[in-house]
Amino acid sequence: MSPFDDESLTFVVTKNAHGHYALWPARLPLPSGWSAHTNGVSRQKALDVIEQHWTDFRPTTYVS
């Protein structure tokens, strides 16, 4: 099973410079270019946060 699908893990909602959000297992180091938007939460809570905050999929900023 992928750690991204494991309901028993704790997750972090991450955000990049373009304003994109992603679900990330809290036990793994964050990928380059992403920062934590939440502390460790349940998978469902992380998905709820992403759905609430990421309502427009277009980049919010231009990064060269």
Protein backbone atom coordinates (compact mmCIF):
# COMPACT_ATOMS: atom_id res chain seq x y z
CA MET A 1 0.00 0.00 0.00
CA SER A 2 1.22 3.48 -0.81
CA PRO A 3 1.86 5.67 2.24
CA PHE A 4 -0.41 8.27 0.60
CA ASP A 5 -3.37 5.88 0.93
CA ASP A 6 -2.67 4.68 4.48
CA GLU A 7 -5.46 6.02 6.73
CA SER A 8 -3.44 5.09 9.85
CA LEU A 9 -0.65 7.59 9.11
CA THR A 10 -0.41 11.25 10.03
CA PHE A 11 -0.25 13.72 7.13
CA VAL A 12 0.86 17.27 6.43
CA VAL A 13 -0.79 19.56 3.92
CA THR A 14 1.99 21.12 1.87
CA LYS A 15 1.96 24.18 -0.36
CA ASN A 16 4.36 25.32 -3.08
CA ALA A 17 5.23 28.76 -4.48
CA HIS A 18 2.51 28.41 -7.15
CA GLY A 19 -0.18 28.05 -4.48
CA HIS A 20 -0.69 24.34 -5.15
CA TYR A 21 -1.53 22.09 -2.21
CA ALA A 22 -0.62 18.45 -1.68
CA LEU A 23 -1.08 15.67 0.83
CA TRP A 24 2.23 14.41 2.29
CA PRO A 25 2.99 11.71 4.89
CA ALA A 26 4.31 13.50 8.01
CA ARG A 27 7.03 10.87 8.51
CA LEU A 28 8.69 11.72 5.17
CA PRO A 29 10.86 14.79 4.54
CA LEU A 30 9.08 17.48 2.55
CA PRO A 31 10.05 17.65 -1.11
CA SER A 32 12.10 20.61 -2.28
CA GLY A 33 9.99 23.68 -3.01
CA TRP A 34 7.14 22.69 -0.68
CA SER A 35 6.40 23.98 2.82
CA ALA A 36 4.09 22.70 5.53
CA HIS A 37 0.68 24.36 5.60
CA THR A 38 -0.56 22.24 8.55
CA ASN A 39 0.92 20.16 11.33
CA GLY A 40 0.30 16.43 11.35
CA VAL A 41 -3.38 15.60 10.91
CA SER A 42 -5.42 12.62 9.79
CA ARG A 43 -5.53 11.82 6.08
CA GLN A 44 -9.18 12.89 5.86
CA LYS A 45 -8.53 16.16 7.70
CA ALA A 46 -5.64 16.89 5.30
CA LEU A 47 -7.89 16.23 2.30
CA ASP A 48 -10.56 18.50 3.82
CA VAL A 49 -8.02 21.31 4.28
CA ILE A 50 -6.86 20.96 0.67
CA GLU A 51 -10.44 21.03 -0.60
CA GLN A 52 -11.22 24.12 1.51
CA HIS A 53 -8.12 26.12 0.55
CA TRP A 54 -7.31 25.05 -3.01
CA THR A 55 -10.41 26.11 -4.90
CA ASP A 56 -8.63 27.48 -7.99
CA PHE A 57 -6.10 25.19 -9.66
CA ARG A 58 -4.38 27.98 -11.58
CA PRO A 59 -1.00 29.09 -10.21
CA THR A 60 -1.30 32.07 -7.87
CA THR A 61 2.18 33.34 -8.76
CA TYR A 62 4.65 33.06 -11.58
CA VAL A 63 7.91 31.45 -10.52
CA SER A 64 10.79 31.44 -12.95
